[in-house]
Amino acid sequence: MSAQALANLGEGQIAYVRAIRSDDLSRLFPQAPALQPGLDLFALLGADGTPILVTDSRNAAIANAWENDLTPVSVH
């Protein structure tokens, strides 16, 4: 399976939750305001890596996935 095919697998159905640091926020979410460095955050991303939202709570990221009819999976 190609990398592109793998990235499209689950598109529109699956989203993944990934722990990030506020230092990395601008890379995933360029429009996000600057935050204090060193904060632990959680990003919800589409199956293809498209950023959906960022929050300070893993549970909030998962709840948002369910609210948008996406099946959340965690990436460690």
PDB file of N, CA and C in Angstrom:
ATOM      1  N   MET A   1       0.862  -1.167   0.000  1.00  0.00           N
ATOM      2  CA  MET A   1       0.000   0.000   0.000  1.00  0.00           C
ATOM      3  C   MET A   1       0.911   1.234   0.000  1.00  0.00           C
ATOM      4  N   SER A   2       0.598   2.189  -0.833  1.00  0.00           N
ATOM      5  CA  SER A   2       1.405   3.406  -0.919  1.00  0.00           C
ATOM      6  C   SER A   2       1.144   4.283   0.305  1.00  0.00           C
ATOM      7  N   ALA A   3       2.046   5.213   0.545  1.00  0.00           N
ATOM      8  CA  ALA A   3       1.884   6.138   1.664  1.00  0.00           C
ATOM      9  C   ALA A   3       0.619   6.975   1.480  1.00  0.00           C
ATOM     10  N   GLN A   4       0.323   7.372   0.248  1.00  0.00           N
ATOM     11  CA  GLN A   4      -0.883   8.158  -0.027  1.00  0.00           C
ATOM     12  C   GLN A   4      -2.141   7.336   0.227  1.00  0.00           C
ATOM     13  N   ALA A   5      -2.137   6.085  -0.195  1.00  0.00           N
ATOM     14  CA  ALA A   5      -3.297   5.220   0.040  1.00  0.00           C
ATOM     15  C   ALA A   5      -3.513   5.012   1.535  1.00  0.00           C
ATOM     16  N   LEU A   6      -2.431   4.848   2.279  1.00  0.00           N
ATOM     17  CA  LEU A   6      -2.535   4.688   3.717  1.00  0.00           C
ATOM     18  C   LEU A   6      -3.081   5.954   4.360  1.00  0.00           C
ATOM     19  N   ALA A   7      -2.633   7.112   3.899  1.00  0.00           N
ATOM     20  CA  ALA A   7      -3.103   8.385   4.445  1.00  0.00           C
ATOM     21  C   ALA A   7      -4.591   8.586   4.189  1.00  0.00           C
ATOM     22  N   ASN A   8      -5.098   8.083   3.073  1.00  0.00           N
ATOM     23  CA  ASN A   8      -6.512   8.242   2.731  1.00  0.00           C
ATOM     24  C   ASN A   8      -7.407   7.185   3.359  1.00  0.00           C
ATOM     25  N   LEU A   9      -6.803   6.168   3.936  1.00  0.00           N
ATOM     26  CA  LEU A   9      -7.571   5.104   4.581  1.00  0.00           C
ATOM     27  C   LEU A   9      -8.355   5.684   5.757  1.00  0.00           C
ATOM     28  N   GLY A  10      -9.620   5.529   5.763  1.00  0.00           N
ATOM     29  CA  GLY A  10     -10.446   6.038   6.847  1.00  0.00           C
ATOM     30  C   GLY A  10     -10.802   7.499   6.743  1.00  0.00           C
ATOM     31  N   GLU A  11     -10.470   8.126   5.629  1.00  0.00           N
ATOM     32  CA  GLU A  11     -10.770   9.552   5.457  1.00  0.00           C
ATOM     33  C   GLU A  11     -12.264   9.792   5.621  1.00  0.00           C
ATOM     34  N   GLY A  12     -12.609  10.771   6.448  1.00  0.00           N
ATOM     35  CA  GLY A  12     -14.005  11.093   6.707  1.00  0.00           C
ATOM     36  C   GLY A  12     -14.661  10.184   7.724  1.00  0.00           C
ATOM     37  N   GLN A  13     -13.921   9.182   8.219  1.00  0.00           N
ATOM     38  CA  GLN A  13     -14.480   8.250   9.188  1.00  0.00           C
ATOM     39  C   GLN A  13     -13.636   8.139  10.447  1.00  0.00           C
ATOM     40  N   ILE A  14     -12.331   8.301  10.307  1.00  0.00           N
ATOM     41  CA  ILE A  14     -11.405   8.117  11.420  1.00  0.00           C
ATOM     42  C   ILE A  14     -10.622   9.409  11.643  1.00  0.00           C
ATOM     43  N   ALA A  15     -10.413   9.726  12.896  1.00  0.00           N
ATOM     44  CA  ALA A  15      -9.546  10.839  13.279  1.00  0.00           C
ATOM     45  C   ALA A  15      -8.635  10.332  14.379  1.00  0.00           C
ATOM     46  N   TYR A  16      -7.463  10.906  14.473  1.00  0.00           N
ATOM     47  CA  TYR A  16      -6.588  10.456  15.542  1.00  0.00           C
ATOM     48  C   TYR A  16      -6.239  11.583  16.491  1.00  0.00           C
ATOM     49  N   VAL A  17      -6.066  11.183  17.742  1.00  0.00           N
ATOM     50  CA  VAL A  17      -5.711  12.095  18.817  1.00  0.00           C
ATOM     51  C   VAL A  17      -4.226  11.928  19.069  1.00  0.00           C
ATOM     52  N   ARG A  18      -3.529  13.038  19.093  1.00  0.00           N
ATOM     53  CA  ARG A  18      -2.079  13.007  19.279  1.00  0.00           C
ATOM     54  C   ARG A  18      -1.678  14.043  20.323  1.00  0.00           C
ATOM     55  N   ALA A  19      -0.889  13.623  21.286  1.00  0.00           N
ATOM     56  CA  ALA A  19      -0.362  14.566  22.271  1.00  0.00           C
ATOM     57  C   ALA A  19       0.690  15.433  21.585  1.00  0.00           C
ATOM     58  N   ILE A  20       0.609  16.742  21.829  1.00  0.00           N
ATOM     59  CA  ILE A  20       1.598  17.675  21.279  1.00  0.00           C
ATOM     60  C   ILE A  20       1.989  18.655  22.374  1.00  0.00           C
ATOM     61  N   ARG A  21       3.034  19.400  22.139  1.00  0.00           N
ATOM     62  CA  ARG A  21       3.456  20.469  23.040  1.00  0.00           C
ATOM     63  C   ARG A  21       3.083  21.796  22.375  1.00  0.00           C
ATOM     64  N   SER A  22       2.845  22.799  23.184  1.00  0.00           N
ATOM     65  CA  SER A  22       2.488  24.111  22.634  1.00  0.00           C
ATOM     66  C   SER A  22       3.596  24.640  21.724  1.00  0.00           C
ATOM     67  N   ASP A  23       4.829  24.188  21.937  1.00  0.00           N
ATOM     68  CA  ASP A  23       5.951  24.594  21.083  1.00  0.00           C
ATOM     69  C   ASP A  23       5.741  24.153  19.631  1.00  0.00           C
ATOM     70  N   ASP A  24       4.982  23.056  19.421  1.00  0.00           N
ATOM     71  CA  ASP A  24       4.748  22.499  18.088  1.00  0.00           C
ATOM     72  C   ASP A  24       3.428  22.956  17.478  1.00  0.00           C
ATOM     73  N   LEU A  25       2.690  23.767  18.201  1.00  0.00           N
ATOM     74  CA  LEU A  25       1.345  24.161  17.768  1.00  0.00           C
ATOM     75  C   LEU A  25       1.344  24.857  16.412  1.00  0.00           C
ATOM     76  N   SER A  26       2.247  25.784  16.204  1.00  0.00           N
ATOM     77  CA  SER A  26       2.226  26.557  14.952  1.00  0.00           C
ATOM     78  C   SER A  26       2.540  25.701  13.729  1.00  0.00           C
ATOM     79  N   ARG A  27       3.234  24.593  13.910  1.00  0.00           N
ATOM     80  CA  ARG A  27       3.524  23.704  12.785  1.00  0.00           C
ATOM     81  C   ARG A  27       2.248  23.009  12.302  1.00  0.00           C
ATOM     82  N   LEU A  28       1.418  22.561  13.232  1.00  0.00           N
ATOM     83  CA  LEU A  28       0.176  21.868  12.869  1.00  0.00           C
ATOM     84  C   LEU A  28      -0.983  22.827  12.633  1.00  0.00           C
ATOM     85  N   PHE A  29      -1.010  23.914  13.382  1.00  0.00           N
ATOM     86  CA  PHE A  29      -2.109  24.879  13.317  1.00  0.00           C
ATOM     87  C   PHE A  29      -1.519  26.275  13.120  1.00  0.00           C
ATOM     88  N   PRO A  30      -1.125  26.626  11.898  1.00  0.00           N
ATOM     89  CA  PRO A  30      -0.453  27.914  11.651  1.00  0.00           C
ATOM     90  C   PRO A  30      -1.251  29.142  12.075  1.00  0.00           C
ATOM     91  N   GLN A  31      -2.573  29.065  12.076  1.00  0.00           N
ATOM     92  CA  GLN A  31      -3.405  30.212  12.423  1.00  0.00           C
ATOM     93  C   GLN A  31      -3.601  30.359  13.929  1.00  0.00           C
ATOM     94  N   ALA A  32      -3.158  29.390  14.703  1.00  0.00           N
ATOM     95  CA  ALA A  32      -3.370  29.430  16.152  1.00  0.00           C
ATOM     96  C   ALA A  32      -2.547  30.545  16.785  1.00  0.00           C
ATOM     97  N   PRO A  33      -3.079  31.164  17.813  1.00  0.00           N
ATOM     98  CA  PRO A  33      -2.312  32.200  18.502  1.00  0.00           C
ATOM     99  C   PRO A  33      -1.139  31.570  19.256  1.00  0.00           C
ATOM    100  N   ALA A  34      -0.142  32.370  19.515  1.00  0.00           N
ATOM    101  CA  ALA A  34       1.018  31.886  20.269  1.00  0.00           C
ATOM    102  C   ALA A  34       0.592  31.562  21.697  1.00  0.00           C
ATOM    103  N   LEU A  35       1.071  30.451  22.195  1.00  0.00           N
ATOM    104  CA  LEU A  35       0.785  30.037  23.571  1.00  0.00           C
ATOM    105  C   LEU A  35       2.084  29.954  24.357  1.00  0.00           C
ATOM    106  N   GLN A  36       1.935  29.922  25.638  1.00  0.00           N
ATOM    107  CA  GLN A  36       3.085  29.743  26.519  1.00  0.00           C
ATOM    108  C   GLN A  36       3.811  28.453  26.144  1.00  0.00           C
ATOM    109  N   PRO A  37       5.120  28.486  25.997  1.00  0.00           N
ATOM    110  CA  PRO A  37       5.871  27.271  25.664  1.00  0.00           C
ATOM    111  C   PRO A  37       5.764  26.223  26.769  1.00  0.00           C
ATOM    112  N   GLY A  38       5.831  24.958  26.362  1.00  0.00           N
ATOM    113  CA  GLY A  38       5.879  23.858  27.318  1.00  0.00           C
ATOM    114  C   GLY A  38       4.543  23.311  27.778  1.00  0.00           C
ATOM    115  N   LEU A  39       3.441  23.786  27.219  1.00  0.00           N
ATOM    116  CA  LEU A  39       2.131  23.269  27.608  1.00  0.00           C
ATOM    117  C   LEU A  39       1.858  21.939  26.915  1.00  0.00           C
ATOM    118  N   ASP A  40       1.219  21.023  27.624  1.00  0.00           N
ATOM    119  CA  ASP A  40       0.792  19.753  27.035  1.00  0.00           C
ATOM    120  C   ASP A  40      -0.594  19.937  26.444  1.00  0.00           C
ATOM    121  N   LEU A  41      -0.739  19.619  25.161  1.00  0.00           N
ATOM    122  CA  LEU A  41      -1.997  19.770  24.440  1.00  0.00           C
ATOM    123  C   LEU A  41      -2.323  18.480  23.709  1.00  0.00           C
ATOM    124  N   PHE A  42      -3.519  18.431  23.140  1.00  0.00           N
ATOM    125  CA  PHE A  42      -3.947  17.291  22.341  1.00  0.00           C
ATOM    126  C   PHE A  42      -4.511  17.802  21.028  1.00  0.00           C
ATOM    127  N   ALA A  43      -4.047  17.234  19.936  1.00  0.00           N
ATOM    128  CA  ALA A  43      -4.520  17.603  18.606  1.00  0.00           C
ATOM    129  C   ALA A  43      -5.411  16.495  18.074  1.00  0.00           C
ATOM    130  N   LEU A  44      -6.490  16.886  17.439  1.00  0.00           N
ATOM    131  CA  LEU A  44      -7.349  15.956  16.713  1.00  0.00           C
ATOM    132  C   LEU A  44      -7.072  16.193  15.241  1.00  0.00           C
ATOM    133  N   LEU A  45      -6.668  15.132  14.555  1.00  0.00           N
ATOM    134  CA  LEU A  45      -6.305  15.226  13.140  1.00  0.00           C
ATOM    135  C   LEU A  45      -7.089  14.209  12.335  1.00  0.00           C
ATOM    136  N   GLY A  46      -7.416  14.578  11.103  1.00  0.00           N
ATOM    137  CA  GLY A  46      -8.088  13.653  10.209  1.00  0.00           C
ATOM    138  C   GLY A  46      -7.176  12.483   9.872  1.00  0.00           C
ATOM    139  N   ALA A  47      -7.737  11.443   9.301  1.00  0.00           N
ATOM    140  CA  ALA A  47      -6.958  10.251   8.950  1.00  0.00           C
ATOM    141  C   ALA A  47      -5.772  10.585   8.054  1.00  0.00           C
ATOM    142  N   ASP A  48      -5.907  11.644   7.257  1.00  0.00           N
ATOM    143  CA  ASP A  48      -4.818  12.043   6.356  1.00  0.00           C
ATOM    144  C   ASP A  48      -3.870  13.061   6.988  1.00  0.00           C
ATOM    145  N   GLY A  49      -4.088  13.384   8.272  1.00  0.00           N
ATOM    146  CA  GLY A  49      -3.220  14.326   8.969  1.00  0.00           C
ATOM    147  C   GLY A  49      -3.718  15.753   8.982  1.00  0.00           C
ATOM    148  N   THR A  50      -4.865  15.999   8.384  1.00  0.00           N
ATOM    149  CA  THR A  50      -5.430  17.344   8.365  1.00  0.00           C
ATOM    150  C   THR A  50      -5.816  17.768   9.782  1.00  0.00           C
ATOM    151  N   PRO A  51      -5.306  18.909  10.266  1.00  0.00           N
ATOM    152  CA  PRO A  51      -5.646  19.370  11.612  1.00  0.00           C
ATOM    153  C   PRO A  51      -7.124  19.725  11.725  1.00  0.00           C
ATOM    154  N   ILE A  52      -7.743  19.277  12.797  1.00  0.00           N
ATOM    155  CA  ILE A  52      -9.151  19.571  13.047  1.00  0.00           C
ATOM    156  C   ILE A  52      -9.282  20.522  14.233  1.00  0.00           C
ATOM    157  N   LEU A  53      -8.662  20.171  15.364  1.00  0.00           N
ATOM    158  CA  LEU A  53      -8.726  21.043  16.525  1.00  0.00           C
ATOM    159  C   LEU A  53      -7.597  20.726  17.478  1.00  0.00           C
ATOM    160  N   VAL A  54      -7.379  21.655  18.391  1.00  0.00           N
ATOM    161  CA  VAL A  54      -6.404  21.459  19.458  1.00  0.00           C
ATOM    162  C   VAL A  54      -7.079  21.849  20.766  1.00  0.00           C
ATOM    163  N   THR A  55      -6.771  21.094  21.817  1.00  0.00           N
ATOM    164  CA  THR A  55      -7.378  21.333  23.119  1.00  0.00           C
ATOM    165  C   THR A  55      -6.396  20.933  24.207  1.00  0.00           C
ATOM    166  N   ASP A  56      -6.708  21.295  25.432  1.00  0.00           N
ATOM    167  CA  ASP A  56      -5.841  20.908  26.541  1.00  0.00           C
ATOM    168  C   ASP A  56      -6.324  19.629  27.212  1.00  0.00           C
ATOM    169  N   SER A  57      -7.339  18.994  26.637  1.00  0.00           N
ATOM    170  CA  SER A  57      -7.919  17.789  27.227  1.00  0.00           C
ATOM    171  C   SER A  57      -8.064  16.681  26.182  1.00  0.00           C
ATOM    172  N   ARG A  58      -7.512  15.525  26.492  1.00  0.00           N
ATOM    173  CA  ARG A  58      -7.662  14.368  25.596  1.00  0.00           C
ATOM    174  C   ARG A  58      -9.141  14.014  25.446  1.00  0.00           C
ATOM    175  N   ASN A  59      -9.882  14.076  26.553  1.00  0.00           N
ATOM    176  CA  ASN A  59     -11.309  13.743  26.512  1.00  0.00           C
ATOM    177  C   ASN A  59     -12.087  14.701  25.615  1.00  0.00           C
ATOM    178  N   ALA A  60     -11.721  15.973  25.610  1.00  0.00           N
ATOM    179  CA  ALA A  60     -12.397  16.944  24.743  1.00  0.00           C
ATOM    180  C   ALA A  60     -12.121  16.644  23.278  1.00  0.00           C
ATOM    181  N   ALA A  61     -10.895  16.242  22.965  1.00  0.00           N
ATOM    182  CA  ALA A  61     -10.558  15.890  21.581  1.00  0.00           C
ATOM    183  C   ALA A  61     -11.367  14.674  21.132  1.00  0.00           C
ATOM    184  N   ILE A  62     -11.472  13.678  21.996  1.00  0.00           N
ATOM    185  CA  ILE A  62     -12.245  12.470  21.668  1.00  0.00           C
ATOM    186  C   ILE A  62     -13.722  12.806  21.518  1.00  0.00           C
ATOM    187  N   ALA A  63     -14.251  13.614  22.420  1.00  0.00           N
ATOM    188  CA  ALA A  63     -15.668  13.997  22.342  1.00  0.00           C
ATOM    189  C   ALA A  63     -15.956  14.740  21.044  1.00  0.00           C
ATOM    190  N   ASN A  64     -15.038  15.610  20.619  1.00  0.00           N
ATOM    191  CA  ASN A  64     -15.243  16.341  19.374  1.00  0.00           C
ATOM    192  C   ASN A  64     -15.256  15.394  18.190  1.00  0.00           C
ATOM    193  N   ALA A  65     -14.405  14.386  18.211  1.00  0.00           N
ATOM    194  CA  ALA A  65     -14.411  13.393  17.127  1.00  0.00           C
ATOM    195  C   ALA A  65     -15.779  12.720  17.049  1.00  0.00           C
ATOM    196  N   TRP A  66     -16.280  12.250  18.186  1.00  0.00           N
ATOM    197  CA  TRP A  66     -17.590  11.579  18.200  1.00  0.00           C
ATOM    198  C   TRP A  66     -18.695  12.520  17.733  1.00  0.00           C
ATOM    199  N   GLU A  67     -18.645  13.784  18.171  1.00  0.00           N
ATOM    200  CA  GLU A  67     -19.663  14.760  17.772  1.00  0.00           C
ATOM    201  C   GLU A  67     -19.679  14.988  16.269  1.00  0.00           C
ATOM    202  N   ASN A  68     -18.546  14.765  15.620  1.00  0.00           N
ATOM    203  CA  ASN A  68     -18.442  14.955  14.173  1.00  0.00           C
ATOM    204  C   ASN A  68     -18.468  13.637  13.408  1.00  0.00           C
ATOM    205  N   ASP A  69     -19.020  12.608  14.052  1.00  0.00           N
ATOM    206  CA  ASP A  69     -19.185  11.290  13.437  1.00  0.00           C
ATOM    207  C   ASP A  69     -17.867  10.687  12.958  1.00  0.00           C
ATOM    208  N   LEU A  70     -16.799  10.940  13.718  1.00  0.00           N
ATOM    209  CA  LEU A  70     -15.484  10.362  13.423  1.00  0.00           C
ATOM    210  C   LEU A  70     -15.141   9.371  14.525  1.00  0.00           C
ATOM    211  N   THR A  71     -14.513   8.276  14.174  1.00  0.00           N
ATOM    212  CA  THR A  71     -14.048   7.315  15.160  1.00  0.00           C
ATOM    213  C   THR A  71     -12.648   7.715  15.583  1.00  0.00           C
ATOM    214  N   PRO A  72     -12.470   8.053  16.874  1.00  0.00           N
ATOM    215  CA  PRO A  72     -11.150   8.493  17.312  1.00  0.00           C
ATOM    216  C   PRO A  72     -10.231   7.314  17.627  1.00  0.00           C
ATOM    217  N   VAL A  73      -8.968   7.482  17.272  1.00  0.00           N
ATOM    218  CA  VAL A  73      -7.917   6.540  17.650  1.00  0.00           C
ATOM    219  C   VAL A  73      -6.777   7.365  18.221  1.00  0.00           C
ATOM    220  N   SER A  74      -6.005   6.774  19.110  1.00  0.00           N
ATOM    221  CA  SER A  74      -4.894   7.484  19.728  1.00  0.00           C
ATOM    222  C   SER A  74      -3.589   7.092  19.061  1.00  0.00           C
ATOM    223  N   VAL A  75      -2.694   8.065  18.956  1.00  0.00           N
ATOM    224  CA  VAL A  75      -1.358   7.833  18.428  1.00  0.00           C
ATOM    225  C   VAL A  75      -0.392   8.188  19.536  1.00  0.00           C
ATOM    226  N   HIS A  76       0.479   7.257  19.847  1.00  0.00           N
ATOM    227  CA  HIS A  76       1.451   7.484  20.930  1.00  0.00           C
ATOM    228  C   HIS A  76       2.813   7.758  20.358  1.00  0.00           C
TER     229      HIS A  76
END
